[in-house]
């Protein structure tokens, strides 16, 4: 799966502290920055819908959606516009949001600066 695939999250895991992490993979298939931004925005919207779904509750029982962090693993440095996305509002009138960060696909522990 990748940025180009319509699934909301490519993987769900936990960070070292045990907090839930949703992963989106930007494998470098699309290289145009404007297209990458549009695909990322679509994928993040799908994430918001997923976090409000029964499927999320089944996969992560007892987890509040705003506890999830979304990490975008990207092959290429995110564009300036992409890096401006730091949170995603959960919607539905909820004031909560989910944090978004960008990391290198080849070295996922290193954030893109």
C-alpha atoms as a PDB file:
ATOM      1  CA  UNK A   1       0.000   0.000   0.000  1.00  0.00           C
ATOM      2  CA  UNK A   2       1.101   3.551  -0.525  1.00  0.00           C
ATOM      3  CA  UNK A   3       0.054   7.156  -0.718  1.00  0.00           C
ATOM      4  CA  UNK A   4      -1.651   6.330  -4.014  1.00  0.00           C
ATOM      5  CA  UNK A   5      -3.790   3.581  -2.455  1.00  0.00           C
ATOM      6  CA  UNK A   6      -7.136   4.753  -1.080  1.00  0.00           C
ATOM      7  CA  UNK A   7      -6.890   2.846   2.210  1.00  0.00           C
ATOM      8  CA  UNK A   8      -6.870   5.222   5.160  1.00  0.00           C
ATOM      9  CA  UNK A   9      -3.816   3.896   6.997  1.00  0.00           C
ATOM     10  CA  UNK A  10      -1.180   1.580   5.582  1.00  0.00           C
ATOM     11  CA  UNK A  11      -0.255   0.097   8.969  1.00  0.00           C
ATOM     12  CA  UNK A  12      -1.080   0.463  12.642  1.00  0.00           C
ATOM     13  CA  UNK A  13       1.495  -0.145  15.324  1.00  0.00           C
ATOM     14  CA  UNK A  14       2.801   1.218  18.597  1.00  0.00           C
ATOM     15  CA  UNK A  15       5.703   3.488  19.358  1.00  0.00           C
ATOM     16  CA  UNK A  16       8.313   2.667  22.009  1.00  0.00           C
ATOM     17  CA  UNK A  17       6.067   4.082  24.725  1.00  0.00           C
ATOM     18  CA  UNK A  18       3.188   1.852  23.622  1.00  0.00           C
ATOM     19  CA  UNK A  19       1.124   4.642  22.063  1.00  0.00           C
ATOM     20  CA  UNK A  20      -0.796   3.844  18.868  1.00  0.00           C
ATOM     21  CA  UNK A  21       0.725   4.986  15.575  1.00  0.00           C
ATOM     22  CA  UNK A  22      -0.941   5.020  12.175  1.00  0.00           C
ATOM     23  CA  UNK A  23       1.493   4.825   9.267  1.00  0.00           C
ATOM     24  CA  UNK A  24       1.060   6.290   5.789  1.00  0.00           C
ATOM     25  CA  UNK A  25       3.718   5.312   3.256  1.00  0.00           C
ATOM     26  CA  UNK A  26       4.842   7.746   0.565  1.00  0.00           C
ATOM     27  CA  UNK A  27       7.064   5.343  -1.380  1.00  0.00           C
ATOM     28  CA  UNK A  28       8.082   7.858  -4.041  1.00  0.00           C
ATOM     29  CA  UNK A  29       5.768   6.618  -6.799  1.00  0.00           C
ATOM     30  CA  UNK A  30       4.345  10.119  -7.264  1.00  0.00           C
ATOM     31  CA  UNK A  31       7.104  12.729  -7.460  1.00  0.00           C
ATOM     32  CA  UNK A  32       5.162  15.901  -8.321  1.00  0.00           C
ATOM     33  CA  UNK A  33       4.819  17.914  -5.098  1.00  0.00           C
ATOM     34  CA  UNK A  34       1.317  19.195  -5.891  1.00  0.00           C
ATOM     35  CA  UNK A  35       0.075  15.685  -6.663  1.00  0.00           C
ATOM     36  CA  UNK A  36       1.736  14.303  -3.514  1.00  0.00           C
ATOM     37  CA  UNK A  37       0.031  16.981  -1.429  1.00  0.00           C
ATOM     38  CA  UNK A  38      -3.371  16.210  -2.965  1.00  0.00           C
ATOM     39  CA  UNK A  39      -2.896  12.468  -2.375  1.00  0.00           C
ATOM     40  CA  UNK A  40      -1.786  13.071   1.210  1.00  0.00           C
ATOM     41  CA  UNK A  41      -4.812  15.272   1.895  1.00  0.00           C
ATOM     42  CA  UNK A  42      -7.115  12.558   0.497  1.00  0.00           C
ATOM     43  CA  UNK A  43      -5.385   9.905   2.579  1.00  0.00           C
ATOM     44  CA  UNK A  44      -5.630  12.012   5.747  1.00  0.00           C
ATOM     45  CA  UNK A  45      -9.345  12.591   5.125  1.00  0.00           C
ATOM     46  CA  UNK A  46      -9.760   8.812   4.822  1.00  0.00           C
ATOM     47  CA  UNK A  47      -7.857   8.494   8.142  1.00  0.00           C
ATOM     48  CA  UNK A  48     -10.309  10.824   9.866  1.00  0.00           C
ATOM     49  CA  UNK A  49     -13.216   8.728   8.592  1.00  0.00           C
ATOM     50  CA  UNK A  50     -11.447   5.535   9.711  1.00  0.00           C
ATOM     51  CA  UNK A  51     -10.830   6.903  13.217  1.00  0.00           C
ATOM     52  CA  UNK A  52     -14.568   7.523  13.581  1.00  0.00           C
ATOM     53  CA  UNK A  53     -15.429   3.987  12.447  1.00  0.00           C
ATOM     54  CA  UNK A  54     -16.271   0.777  14.272  1.00  0.00           C
ATOM     55  CA  UNK A  55     -13.341  -0.844  12.458  1.00  0.00           C
ATOM     56  CA  UNK A  56     -10.869   1.397  14.311  1.00  0.00           C
ATOM     57  CA  UNK A  57     -12.536   0.556  17.628  1.00  0.00           C
ATOM     58  CA  UNK A  58     -12.239  -3.155  16.811  1.00  0.00           C
ATOM     59  CA  UNK A  59      -8.537  -2.876  15.888  1.00  0.00           C
ATOM     60  CA  UNK A  60      -7.628  -0.611  18.801  1.00  0.00           C
ATOM     61  CA  UNK A  61     -10.107  -1.315  21.601  1.00  0.00           C
ATOM     62  CA  UNK A  62     -10.104   1.250  24.373  1.00  0.00           C
ATOM     63  CA  UNK A  63      -8.060   3.723  22.338  1.00  0.00           C
ATOM     64  CA  UNK A  64      -9.255   7.289  22.032  1.00  0.00           C
ATOM     65  CA  UNK A  65      -8.755   8.345  18.382  1.00  0.00           C
ATOM     66  CA  UNK A  66      -6.952  11.531  19.437  1.00  0.00           C
ATOM     67  CA  UNK A  67      -4.278   9.347  21.113  1.00  0.00           C
ATOM     68  CA  UNK A  68      -3.224   8.075  17.689  1.00  0.00           C
ATOM     69  CA  UNK A  69      -0.280   9.727  15.986  1.00  0.00           C
ATOM     70  CA  UNK A  70      -0.017   9.602  12.196  1.00  0.00           C
ATOM     71  CA  UNK A  71       3.485   9.132  10.818  1.00  0.00           C
ATOM     72  CA  UNK A  72       4.093   9.641   7.101  1.00  0.00           C
ATOM     73  CA  UNK A  73       7.103   7.606   5.981  1.00  0.00           C
ATOM     74  CA  UNK A  74       8.341   9.208   2.781  1.00  0.00           C
ATOM     75  CA  UNK A  75      11.061   8.315   0.330  1.00  0.00           C
ATOM     76  CA  UNK A  76      11.471  11.943  -0.746  1.00  0.00           C
ATOM     77  CA  UNK A  77      11.590  15.026   1.432  1.00  0.00           C
ATOM     78  CA  UNK A  78       8.071  16.371   1.980  1.00  0.00           C
ATOM     79  CA  UNK A  79       7.269  19.629   0.240  1.00  0.00           C
ATOM     80  CA  UNK A  80       6.917  22.811   2.274  1.00  0.00           C
ATOM     81  CA  UNK A  81       3.124  22.610   1.914  1.00  0.00           C
ATOM     82  CA  UNK A  82       3.087  18.999   3.117  1.00  0.00           C
ATOM     83  CA  UNK A  83       5.176  19.842   6.177  1.00  0.00           C
ATOM     84  CA  UNK A  84       2.647  22.509   7.149  1.00  0.00           C
ATOM     85  CA  UNK A  85       0.243  19.689   7.988  1.00  0.00           C
ATOM     86  CA  UNK A  86       0.990  19.055  11.652  1.00  0.00           C
ATOM     87  CA  UNK A  87      -2.439  17.978  12.847  1.00  0.00           C
ATOM     88  CA  UNK A  88      -5.679  16.649  11.410  1.00  0.00           C
ATOM     89  CA  UNK A  89      -8.987  17.612  13.006  1.00  0.00           C
ATOM     90  CA  UNK A  90     -11.152  14.637  13.889  1.00  0.00           C
ATOM     91  CA  UNK A  91     -14.296  16.411  12.698  1.00  0.00           C
ATOM     92  CA  UNK A  92     -17.829  15.733  13.778  1.00  0.00           C
ATOM     93  CA  UNK A  93     -17.729  18.801  15.990  1.00  0.00           C
ATOM     94  CA  UNK A  94     -14.924  17.317  18.095  1.00  0.00           C
ATOM     95  CA  UNK A  95     -12.224  19.783  19.201  1.00  0.00           C
ATOM     96  CA  UNK A  96      -9.584  17.044  19.226  1.00  0.00           C
ATOM     97  CA  UNK A  97      -7.012  16.496  16.539  1.00  0.00           C
ATOM     98  CA  UNK A  98      -4.408  13.893  15.639  1.00  0.00           C
ATOM     99  CA  UNK A  99      -0.746  14.822  15.239  1.00  0.00           C
ATOM    100  CA  UNK A 100       1.027  14.238  11.931  1.00  0.00           C
ATOM    101  CA  UNK A 101       4.795  13.882  11.499  1.00  0.00           C
ATOM    102  CA  UNK A 102       7.059  13.036   8.579  1.00  0.00           C
ATOM    103  CA  UNK A 103       9.912  10.558   8.738  1.00  0.00           C
ATOM    104  CA  UNK A 104      12.342   9.121   6.247  1.00  0.00           C
ATOM    105  CA  UNK A 105      11.182   5.861   4.698  1.00  0.00           C
ATOM    106  CA  UNK A 106      14.720   4.471   4.701  1.00  0.00           C
ATOM    107  CA  UNK A 107      15.383   5.560   8.323  1.00  0.00           C
ATOM    108  CA  UNK A 108      12.008   5.778  10.089  1.00  0.00           C
ATOM    109  CA  UNK A 109      13.489   6.967  13.369  1.00  0.00           C
ATOM    110  CA  UNK A 110      14.758  10.146  11.681  1.00  0.00           C
ATOM    111  CA  UNK A 111      12.319  13.001  11.109  1.00  0.00           C
ATOM    112  CA  UNK A 112      12.576  15.077   7.954  1.00  0.00           C
ATOM    113  CA  UNK A 113      13.806  18.522   8.951  1.00  0.00           C
END
